[in-house]
Every structure is written in structure tokens, then in C-alpha cells.
């Protein structure tokens, strides 16, 4: 394989999409946490690779977008082990 990082990015994006959507429809909280954890890790790895590839190619704005996406997904990954109720802020204006 000539470009193993391309394959890693593709697999990460596929895992992120498939596990993220599947986790949304799963009722079991433990399975949902596992699926969303795989989703987050796959997307973080893929977007970090894409950010580096675009930065090296001179596409700074695209690289910045992928980097911001990776950071945002990292923040979201920290909450997947909590129950859905704990992710809610609890303020009346949030609903």
C-alpha cells in the first residue's frame, strides 16, 4: 500500500460515521458509550491526519477546519461515558 495514512483516515471516517449513527439508535447505555467512544476516536484520528495532510499541501484554511473538528470531537469524547441525563445542563432555558 502506497499511502497507509489515507487508509487510516478512510477507516476512521467510516468507523466514525457508522458507530456514531448506530450508537444513536441503541437503547443500552453501555453499548452506546462504546459505540460513541469508537466514533470519537475514529473521527479524531482521521481529522488529525487530514489536518496534517492539508497543512503540508498548503491548504491552511482546510487544515484549520479539520484541526478544529478534531479538537471539538476530543471535547465531545469526554462525555460519552456519562448517562444522557448528565450531559444536559439542567437549566430551564436549555430545553
PDB file of N, CA and C in Angstrom:
ATOM      1  N   UNK A   1       0.850  -1.175   0.000  1.00  0.00           N
ATOM      2  CA  UNK A   1       0.000   0.000   0.000  1.00  0.00           C
ATOM      3  C   UNK A   1       0.897   1.240   0.000  1.00  0.00           C
ATOM      4  N   UNK A   2       0.641   2.130  -0.928  1.00  0.00           N
ATOM      5  CA  UNK A   2       1.472   3.319  -1.055  1.00  0.00           C
ATOM      6  C   UNK A   2       1.185   4.348   0.024  1.00  0.00           C
ATOM      7  N   UNK A   3      -0.043   4.553   0.319  1.00  0.00           N
ATOM      8  CA  UNK A   3      -0.450   5.611   1.247  1.00  0.00           C
ATOM      9  C   UNK A   3      -1.213   5.031   2.442  1.00  0.00           C
ATOM     10  N   UNK A   4      -0.498   4.502   3.447  1.00  0.00           N
ATOM     11  CA  UNK A   4      -1.214   3.906   4.586  1.00  0.00           C
ATOM     12  C   UNK A   4      -1.997   4.935   5.400  1.00  0.00           C
ATOM     13  N   UNK A   5      -1.546   6.197   5.428  1.00  0.00           N
ATOM     14  CA  UNK A   5      -2.295   7.208   6.188  1.00  0.00           C
ATOM     15  C   UNK A   5      -3.647   7.513   5.546  1.00  0.00           C
ATOM     16  N   UNK A   6      -3.702   7.413   4.217  1.00  0.00           N
ATOM     17  CA  UNK A   6      -5.001   7.591   3.561  1.00  0.00           C
ATOM     18  C   UNK A   6      -5.976   6.512   4.005  1.00  0.00           C
ATOM     19  N   UNK A   7      -5.492   5.275   4.095  1.00  0.00           N
ATOM     20  CA  UNK A   7      -6.346   4.169   4.529  1.00  0.00           C
ATOM     21  C   UNK A   7      -6.786   4.363   5.977  1.00  0.00           C
ATOM     22  N   UNK A   8      -5.888   4.826   6.828  1.00  0.00           N
ATOM     23  CA  UNK A   8      -6.241   5.066   8.235  1.00  0.00           C
ATOM     24  C   UNK A   8      -7.304   6.161   8.332  1.00  0.00           C
ATOM     25  N   UNK A   9      -7.161   7.215   7.542  1.00  0.00           N
ATOM     26  CA  UNK A   9      -8.148   8.294   7.560  1.00  0.00           C
ATOM     27  C   UNK A   9      -9.501   7.807   7.055  1.00  0.00           C
ATOM     28  N   UNK A  10      -9.504   7.007   6.015  1.00  0.00           N
ATOM     29  CA  UNK A  10     -10.767   6.483   5.475  1.00  0.00           C
ATOM     30  C   UNK A  10     -11.441   5.578   6.490  1.00  0.00           C
ATOM     31  N   UNK A  11     -10.673   4.686   7.104  1.00  0.00           N
ATOM     32  CA  UNK A  11     -11.250   3.775   8.111  1.00  0.00           C
ATOM     33  C   UNK A  11     -11.776   4.571   9.305  1.00  0.00           C
ATOM     34  N   UNK A  12     -11.048   5.592   9.728  1.00  0.00           N
ATOM     35  CA  UNK A  12     -11.505   6.422  10.843  1.00  0.00           C
ATOM     36  C   UNK A  12     -12.806   7.130  10.539  1.00  0.00           C
ATOM     37  N   UNK A  13     -12.924   7.673   9.328  1.00  0.00           N
ATOM     38  CA  UNK A  13     -14.163   8.345   8.945  1.00  0.00           C
ATOM     39  C   UNK A  13     -15.330   7.356   8.843  1.00  0.00           C
ATOM     40  N   UNK A  14     -15.053   6.175   8.297  1.00  0.00           N
ATOM     41  CA  UNK A  14     -16.105   5.161   8.202  1.00  0.00           C
ATOM     42  C   UNK A  14     -16.555   4.689   9.581  1.00  0.00           C
ATOM     43  N   UNK A  15     -15.587   4.398  10.452  1.00  0.00           N
ATOM     44  CA  UNK A  15     -15.939   3.986  11.821  1.00  0.00           C
ATOM     45  C   UNK A  15     -16.715   5.088  12.539  1.00  0.00           C
ATOM     46  N   UNK A  16     -16.283   6.323  12.351  1.00  0.00           N
ATOM     47  CA  UNK A  16     -16.976   7.437  12.987  1.00  0.00           C
ATOM     48  C   UNK A  16     -18.415   7.556  12.531  1.00  0.00           C
ATOM     49  N   UNK A  17     -18.625   7.447  11.244  1.00  0.00           N
ATOM     50  CA  UNK A  17     -19.986   7.560  10.725  1.00  0.00           C
ATOM     51  C   UNK A  17     -20.883   6.397  11.121  1.00  0.00           C
ATOM     52  N   UNK A  18     -20.367   5.197  10.973  1.00  0.00           N
ATOM     53  CA  UNK A  18     -21.173   4.005  11.259  1.00  0.00           C
ATOM     54  C   UNK A  18     -21.451   3.867  12.754  1.00  0.00           C
ATOM     55  N   UNK A  19     -20.417   3.969  13.579  1.00  0.00           N
ATOM     56  CA  UNK A  19     -20.600   3.793  15.029  1.00  0.00           C
ATOM     57  C   UNK A  19     -21.380   4.958  15.644  1.00  0.00           C
ATOM     58  N   UNK A  20     -21.204   6.151  15.112  1.00  0.00           N
ATOM     59  CA  UNK A  20     -21.949   7.292  15.629  1.00  0.00           C
ATOM     60  C   UNK A  20     -23.443   7.161  15.381  1.00  0.00           C
ATOM     61  N   UNK A  21     -23.809   6.778  14.173  1.00  0.00           N
ATOM     62  CA  UNK A  21     -25.228   6.604  13.858  1.00  0.00           C
ATOM     63  C   UNK A  21     -25.814   5.408  14.602  1.00  0.00           C
ATOM     64  N   UNK A  22     -25.057   4.318  14.671  1.00  0.00           N
ATOM     65  CA  UNK A  22     -25.548   3.135  15.381  1.00  0.00           C
ATOM     66  C   UNK A  22     -25.738   3.432  16.866  1.00  0.00           C
ATOM     67  N   UNK A  23     -24.809   4.149  17.464  1.00  0.00           N
ATOM     68  CA  UNK A  23     -24.917   4.494  18.878  1.00  0.00           C
ATOM     69  C   UNK A  23     -26.119   5.367  19.186  1.00  0.00           C
ATOM     70  N   UNK A  24     -26.548   6.147  18.222  1.00  0.00           N
ATOM     71  CA  UNK A  24     -27.718   6.997  18.424  1.00  0.00           C
ATOM     72  C   UNK A  24     -28.984   6.174  18.608  1.00  0.00           C
ATOM     73  N   UNK A  25     -29.071   5.031  17.953  1.00  0.00           N
ATOM     74  CA  UNK A  25     -30.284   4.227  17.980  1.00  0.00           C
ATOM     75  C   UNK A  25     -30.246   3.080  18.981  1.00  0.00           C
ATOM     76  N   UNK A  26     -29.156   2.941  19.732  1.00  0.00           N
ATOM     77  CA  UNK A  26     -29.014   1.858  20.705  1.00  0.00           C
ATOM     78  C   UNK A  26     -29.605   2.297  22.039  1.00  0.00           C
ATOM     79  N   UNK A  27     -30.367   1.410  22.670  1.00  0.00           N
ATOM     80  CA  UNK A  27     -31.004   1.742  23.947  1.00  0.00           C
ATOM     81  C   UNK A  27     -30.085   1.482  25.147  1.00  0.00           C
ATOM     82  N   UNK A  28     -29.197   0.513  25.048  1.00  0.00           N
ATOM     83  CA  UNK A  28     -28.320   0.158  26.165  1.00  0.00           C
ATOM     84  C   UNK A  28     -27.245   1.235  26.346  1.00  0.00           C
ATOM     85  N   UNK A  29     -27.169   1.851  27.539  1.00  0.00           N
ATOM     86  CA  UNK A  29     -26.203   2.937  27.732  1.00  0.00           C
ATOM     87  C   UNK A  29     -24.738   2.505  27.619  1.00  0.00           C
ATOM     88  N   UNK A  30     -24.416   1.280  28.039  1.00  0.00           N
ATOM     89  CA  UNK A  30     -23.026   0.820  27.959  1.00  0.00           C
ATOM     90  C   UNK A  30     -22.596   0.602  26.506  1.00  0.00           C
ATOM     91  N   UNK A  31     -23.473   0.000  25.717  1.00  0.00           N
ATOM     92  CA  UNK A  31     -23.165  -0.207  24.302  1.00  0.00           C
ATOM     93  C   UNK A  31     -23.097   1.129  23.571  1.00  0.00           C
ATOM     94  N   UNK A  32     -23.979   2.055  23.946  1.00  0.00           N
ATOM     95  CA  UNK A  32     -23.956   3.388  23.339  1.00  0.00           C
ATOM     96  C   UNK A  32     -22.628   4.078  23.632  1.00  0.00           C
ATOM     97  N   UNK A  33     -22.136   3.956  24.871  1.00  0.00           N
ATOM     98  CA  UNK A  33     -20.869   4.579  25.243  1.00  0.00           C
ATOM     99  C   UNK A  33     -19.702   3.979  24.447  1.00  0.00           C
ATOM    100  N   UNK A  34     -19.725   2.666  24.268  1.00  0.00           N
ATOM    101  CA  UNK A  34     -18.659   2.014  23.489  1.00  0.00           C
ATOM    102  C   UNK A  34     -18.700   2.473  22.035  1.00  0.00           C
ATOM    103  N   UNK A  35     -19.894   2.475  21.449  1.00  0.00           N
ATOM    104  CA  UNK A  35     -20.012   2.884  20.048  1.00  0.00           C
ATOM    105  C   UNK A  35     -19.619   4.345  19.858  1.00  0.00           C
ATOM    106  N   UNK A  36     -20.051   5.212  20.752  1.00  0.00           N
ATOM    107  CA  UNK A  36     -19.695   6.622  20.643  1.00  0.00           C
ATOM    108  C   UNK A  36     -18.216   6.851  20.943  1.00  0.00           C
ATOM    109  N   UNK A  37     -17.618   6.002  21.783  1.00  0.00           N
ATOM    110  CA  UNK A  37     -16.178   6.090  22.020  1.00  0.00           C
ATOM    111  C   UNK A  37     -15.382   5.733  20.769  1.00  0.00           C
ATOM    112  N   UNK A  38     -15.798   4.661  20.091  1.00  0.00           N
ATOM    113  CA  UNK A  38     -15.151   4.279  18.826  1.00  0.00           C
ATOM    114  C   UNK A  38     -15.364   5.361  17.784  1.00  0.00           C
ATOM    115  N   UNK A  39     -16.568   5.911  17.754  1.00  0.00           N
ATOM    116  CA  UNK A  39     -16.890   7.004  16.838  1.00  0.00           C
ATOM    117  C   UNK A  39     -15.952   8.186  17.060  1.00  0.00           C
ATOM    118  N   UNK A  40     -15.809   8.596  18.312  1.00  0.00           N
ATOM    119  CA  UNK A  40     -14.967   9.746  18.620  1.00  0.00           C
ATOM    120  C   UNK A  40     -13.507   9.508  18.286  1.00  0.00           C
ATOM    121  N   UNK A  41     -12.987   8.352  18.656  1.00  0.00           N
ATOM    122  CA  UNK A  41     -11.576   8.060  18.376  1.00  0.00           C
ATOM    123  C   UNK A  41     -11.300   7.989  16.878  1.00  0.00           C
ATOM    124  N   UNK A  42     -12.212   7.347  16.150  1.00  0.00           N
ATOM    125  CA  UNK A  42     -12.033   7.260  14.701  1.00  0.00           C
ATOM    126  C   UNK A  42     -12.021   8.628  14.044  1.00  0.00           C
ATOM    127  N   UNK A  43     -12.945   9.493  14.454  1.00  0.00           N
ATOM    128  CA  UNK A  43     -13.010  10.830  13.863  1.00  0.00           C
ATOM    129  C   UNK A  43     -11.829  11.704  14.277  1.00  0.00           C
ATOM    130  N   UNK A  44     -11.373  11.560  15.517  1.00  0.00           N
ATOM    131  CA  UNK A  44     -10.220  12.352  15.972  1.00  0.00           C
ATOM    132  C   UNK A  44      -8.977  11.979  15.170  1.00  0.00           C
ATOM    133  N   UNK A  45      -8.722  10.690  15.017  1.00  0.00           N
ATOM    134  CA  UNK A  45      -7.548  10.243  14.266  1.00  0.00           C
ATOM    135  C   UNK A  45      -7.643  10.687  12.810  1.00  0.00           C
ATOM    136  N   UNK A  46      -8.817  10.465  12.200  1.00  0.00           N
ATOM    137  CA  UNK A  46      -8.979  10.806  10.788  1.00  0.00           C
ATOM    138  C   UNK A  46      -8.833  12.306  10.544  1.00  0.00           C
ATOM    139  N   UNK A  47      -9.457  13.130  11.371  1.00  0.00           N
ATOM    140  CA  UNK A  47      -9.381  14.567  11.131  1.00  0.00           C
ATOM    141  C   UNK A  47      -7.998  15.130  11.455  1.00  0.00           C
ATOM    142  N   UNK A  48      -7.285  14.529  12.406  1.00  0.00           N
ATOM    143  CA  UNK A  48      -5.911  14.968  12.676  1.00  0.00           C
ATOM    144  C   UNK A  48      -5.006  14.648  11.482  1.00  0.00           C
ATOM    145  N   UNK A  49      -5.183  13.466  10.896  1.00  0.00           N
ATOM    146  CA  UNK A  49      -4.398  13.100   9.711  1.00  0.00           C
ATOM    147  C   UNK A  49      -4.736  14.031   8.549  1.00  0.00           C
ATOM    148  N   UNK A  50      -6.018  14.297   8.347  1.00  0.00           N
ATOM    149  CA  UNK A  50      -6.420  15.177   7.256  1.00  0.00           C
ATOM    150  C   UNK A  50      -5.935  16.607   7.471  1.00  0.00           C
ATOM    151  N   UNK A  51      -5.887  17.044   8.720  1.00  0.00           N
ATOM    152  CA  UNK A  51      -5.364  18.382   9.012  1.00  0.00           C
ATOM    153  C   UNK A  51      -3.886  18.464   8.639  1.00  0.00           C
ATOM    154  N   UNK A  52      -3.113  17.458   9.006  1.00  0.00           N
ATOM    155  CA  UNK A  52      -1.690  17.462   8.674  1.00  0.00           C
ATOM    156  C   UNK A  52      -1.450  17.376   7.171  1.00  0.00           C
ATOM    157  N   UNK A  53      -2.221  16.526   6.496  1.00  0.00           N
ATOM    158  CA  UNK A  53      -2.050  16.392   5.047  1.00  0.00           C
ATOM    159  C   UNK A  53      -2.374  17.699   4.331  1.00  0.00           C
ATOM    160  N   UNK A  54      -3.437  18.372   4.744  1.00  0.00           N
ATOM    161  CA  UNK A  54      -3.804  19.624   4.097  1.00  0.00           C
ATOM    162  C   UNK A  54      -2.839  20.748   4.449  1.00  0.00           C
ATOM    163  N   UNK A  55      -2.303  20.726   5.660  1.00  0.00           N
ATOM    164  CA  UNK A  55      -1.317  21.734   6.037  1.00  0.00           C
ATOM    165  C   UNK A  55      -0.050  21.595   5.189  1.00  0.00           C
ATOM    166  N   UNK A  56       0.381  20.356   5.006  1.00  0.00           N
ATOM    167  CA  UNK A  56       1.573  20.112   4.185  1.00  0.00           C
ATOM    168  C   UNK A  56       1.342  20.495   2.725  1.00  0.00           C
ATOM    169  N   UNK A  57       0.089  20.362   2.263  1.00  0.00           N
ATOM    170  CA  UNK A  57      -0.239  20.700   0.878  1.00  0.00           C
ATOM    171  C   UNK A  57      -0.431  22.199   0.684  1.00  0.00           C
ATOM    172  N   UNK A  58      -0.405  22.962   1.776  1.00  0.00           N
ATOM    173  CA  UNK A  58      -0.557  24.410   1.668  1.00  0.00           C
ATOM    174  C   UNK A  58      -1.990  24.903   1.790  1.00  0.00           C
ATOM    175  N   UNK A  59      -2.914  24.015   2.127  1.00  0.00           N
ATOM    176  CA  UNK A  59      -4.317  24.391   2.313  1.00  0.00           C
ATOM    177  C   UNK A  59      -4.549  24.713   3.787  1.00  0.00           C
ATOM    178  N   UNK A  60      -4.114  25.882   4.203  1.00  0.00           N
ATOM    179  CA  UNK A  60      -4.137  26.230   5.621  1.00  0.00           C
ATOM    180  C   UNK A  60      -5.551  26.342   6.175  1.00  0.00           C
ATOM    181  N   UNK A  61      -6.479  26.910   5.416  1.00  0.00           N
ATOM    182  CA  UNK A  61      -7.848  27.077   5.907  1.00  0.00           C
ATOM    183  C   UNK A  61      -8.534  25.720   6.086  1.00  0.00           C
ATOM    184  N   UNK A  62      -8.330  24.825   5.153  1.00  0.00           N
ATOM    185  CA  UNK A  62      -8.905  23.478   5.263  1.00  0.00           C
ATOM    186  C   UNK A  62      -8.276  22.735   6.432  1.00  0.00           C
ATOM    187  N   UNK A  63      -6.973  22.870   6.590  1.00  0.00           N
ATOM    188  CA  UNK A  63      -6.278  22.224   7.701  1.00  0.00           C
ATOM    189  C   UNK A  63      -6.788  22.754   9.037  1.00  0.00           C
ATOM    190  N   UNK A  64      -7.026  24.061   9.118  1.00  0.00           N
ATOM    191  CA  UNK A  64      -7.556  24.643  10.352  1.00  0.00           C
ATOM    192  C   UNK A  64      -8.946  24.095  10.659  1.00  0.00           C
ATOM    193  N   UNK A  65      -9.754  23.915   9.630  1.00  0.00           N
ATOM    194  CA  UNK A  65     -11.088  23.345   9.837  1.00  0.00           C
ATOM    195  C   UNK A  65     -11.031  21.936  10.385  1.00  0.00           C
ATOM    196  N   UNK A  66     -10.175  21.106   9.816  1.00  0.00           N
ATOM    197  CA  UNK A  66     -10.031  19.740  10.317  1.00  0.00           C
ATOM    198  C   UNK A  66      -9.459  19.726  11.732  1.00  0.00           C
ATOM    199  N   UNK A  67      -8.560  20.638  12.033  1.00  0.00           N
ATOM    200  CA  UNK A  67      -7.988  20.709  13.376  1.00  0.00           C
ATOM    201  C   UNK A  67      -9.040  21.115  14.403  1.00  0.00           C
ATOM    202  N   UNK A  68      -9.872  22.081  14.056  1.00  0.00           N
ATOM    203  CA  UNK A  68     -10.953  22.497  14.960  1.00  0.00           C
ATOM    204  C   UNK A  68     -11.946  21.362  15.160  1.00  0.00           C
ATOM    205  N   UNK A  69     -12.252  20.644  14.092  1.00  0.00           N
ATOM    206  CA  UNK A  69     -13.152  19.489  14.203  1.00  0.00           C
ATOM    207  C   UNK A  69     -12.555  18.445  15.136  1.00  0.00           C
ATOM    208  N   UNK A  70     -11.261  18.191  15.018  1.00  0.00           N
ATOM    209  CA  UNK A  70     -10.592  17.213  15.872  1.00  0.00           C
ATOM    210  C   UNK A  70     -10.627  17.628  17.341  1.00  0.00           C
ATOM    211  N   UNK A  71     -10.398  18.904  17.605  1.00  0.00           N
ATOM    212  CA  UNK A  71     -10.445  19.401  18.984  1.00  0.00           C
ATOM    213  C   UNK A  71     -11.862  19.304  19.534  1.00  0.00           C
ATOM    214  N   UNK A  72     -12.848  19.683  18.743  1.00  0.00           N
ATOM    215  CA  UNK A  72     -14.239  19.595  19.185  1.00  0.00           C
ATOM    216  C   UNK A  72     -14.665  18.164  19.469  1.00  0.00           C
ATOM    217  N   UNK A  73     -14.252  17.255  18.614  1.00  0.00           N
ATOM    218  CA  UNK A  73     -14.583  15.844  18.832  1.00  0.00           C
ATOM    219  C   UNK A  73     -13.885  15.310  20.072  1.00  0.00           C
ATOM    220  N   UNK A  74     -12.693  15.811  20.381  1.00  0.00           N
ATOM    221  CA  UNK A  74     -11.991  15.410  21.602  1.00  0.00           C
ATOM    222  C   UNK A  74     -12.763  15.845  22.846  1.00  0.00           C
ATOM    223  N   UNK A  75     -13.317  17.036  22.794  1.00  0.00           N
ATOM    224  CA  UNK A  75     -14.119  17.524  23.922  1.00  0.00           C
ATOM    225  C   UNK A  75     -15.390  16.683  24.063  1.00  0.00           C
ATOM    226  N   UNK A  76     -16.007  16.359  22.950  1.00  0.00           N
ATOM    227  CA  UNK A  76     -17.232  15.553  22.991  1.00  0.00           C
ATOM    228  C   UNK A  76     -16.957  14.140  23.501  1.00  0.00           C
ATOM    229  N   UNK A  77     -15.784  13.606  23.204  1.00  0.00           N
ATOM    230  CA  UNK A  77     -15.444  12.247  23.622  1.00  0.00           C
ATOM    231  C   UNK A  77     -15.410  12.115  25.138  1.00  0.00           C
ATOM    232  N   UNK A  78     -15.113  13.196  25.839  1.00  0.00           N
ATOM    233  CA  UNK A  78     -15.026  13.118  27.295  1.00  0.00           C
ATOM    234  C   UNK A  78     -16.376  12.881  27.959  1.00  0.00           C
ATOM    235  N   UNK A  79     -17.461  13.120  27.265  1.00  0.00           N
ATOM    236  CA  UNK A  79     -18.775  12.961  27.875  1.00  0.00           C
ATOM    237  C   UNK A  79     -19.530  11.707  27.486  1.00  0.00           C
ATOM    238  N   UNK A  80     -18.957  10.845  26.647  1.00  0.00           N
ATOM    239  CA  UNK A  80     -19.721   9.698  26.169  1.00  0.00           C
ATOM    240  C   UNK A  80     -19.939   8.635  27.233  1.00  0.00           C
ATOM    241  N   UNK A  81     -19.140   8.605  28.265  1.00  0.00           N
ATOM    242  CA  UNK A  81     -19.317   7.588  29.297  1.00  0.00           C
ATOM    243  C   UNK A  81     -20.400   7.977  30.304  1.00  0.00           C
ATOM    244  N   UNK A  82     -20.869   9.207  30.257  1.00  0.00           N
ATOM    245  CA  UNK A  82     -21.909   9.667  31.167  1.00  0.00           C
ATOM    246  C   UNK A  82     -23.286   9.293  30.616  1.00  0.00           C
ATOM    247  N   UNK A  83     -24.277   9.152  31.500  1.00  0.00           N
ATOM    248  CA  UNK A  83     -25.635   8.945  31.003  1.00  0.00           C
ATOM    249  C   UNK A  83     -26.122  10.191  30.262  1.00  0.00           C
ATOM    250  N   UNK A  84     -27.105  10.014  29.414  1.00  0.00           N
ATOM    251  CA  UNK A  84     -27.603  11.135  28.613  1.00  0.00           C
ATOM    252  C   UNK A  84     -28.119  12.275  29.487  1.00  0.00           C
ATOM    253  N   UNK A  85     -28.705  11.947  30.637  1.00  0.00           N
ATOM    254  CA  UNK A  85     -29.238  12.979  31.522  1.00  0.00           C
ATOM    255  C   UNK A  85     -28.120  13.848  32.099  1.00  0.00           C
ATOM    256  N   UNK A  86     -26.949  13.274  32.314  1.00  0.00           N
ATOM    257  CA  UNK A  86     -25.838  14.023  32.885  1.00  0.00           C
ATOM    258  C   UNK A  86     -25.232  14.993  31.870  1.00  0.00           C
ATOM    259  N   UNK A  87     -25.448  14.757  30.605  1.00  0.00           N
ATOM    260  CA  UNK A  87     -24.921  15.637  29.564  1.00  0.00           C
ATOM    261  C   UNK A  87     -25.768  16.901  29.449  1.00  0.00           C
ATOM    262  N   UNK A  88     -26.953  16.885  29.972  1.00  0.00           N
ATOM    263  CA  UNK A  88     -27.852  18.052  29.926  1.00  0.00           C
ATOM    264  C   UNK A  88     -27.417  19.070  30.959  1.00  0.00           C
ATOM    265  N   UNK A  89     -27.517  20.343  30.639  1.00  0.00           N
ATOM    266  CA  UNK A  89     -27.023  21.368  31.564  1.00  0.00           C
ATOM    267  C   UNK A  89     -27.935  21.559  32.765  1.00  0.00           C
ATOM    268  N   UNK A  90     -29.186  21.174  32.672  1.00  0.00           N
ATOM    269  CA  UNK A  90     -30.093  21.277  33.818  1.00  0.00           C
ATOM    270  C   UNK A  90     -30.778  22.622  33.964  1.00  0.00           C
ATOM    271  N   UNK A  91     -30.498  23.546  33.095  1.00  0.00           N
ATOM    272  CA  UNK A  91     -31.130  24.867  33.168  1.00  0.00           C
ATOM    273  C   UNK A  91     -32.432  24.870  32.353  1.00  0.00           C
ATOM    274  N   UNK A  92     -33.449  25.589  32.821  1.00  0.00           N
ATOM    275  CA  UNK A  92     -34.731  25.578  32.104  1.00  0.00           C
ATOM    276  C   UNK A  92     -34.649  26.173  30.705  1.00  0.00           C
ATOM    277  N   UNK A  93     -33.724  27.105  30.476  1.00  0.00           N
ATOM    278  CA  UNK A  93     -33.647  27.714  29.162  1.00  0.00           C
ATOM    279  C   UNK A  93     -32.992  26.824  28.112  1.00  0.00           C
ATOM    280  N   UNK A  94     -32.366  25.731  28.549  1.00  0.00           N
ATOM    281  CA  UNK A  94     -31.697  24.837  27.604  1.00  0.00           C
ATOM    282  C   UNK A  94     -32.696  23.984  26.831  1.00  0.00           C
ATOM    283  N   UNK A  95     -33.820  23.723  27.434  1.00  0.00           N
ATOM    284  CA  UNK A  95     -34.802  22.850  26.788  1.00  0.00           C
ATOM    285  C   UNK A  95     -35.460  23.573  25.716  1.00  0.00           C
TER     286      UNK A  95
END
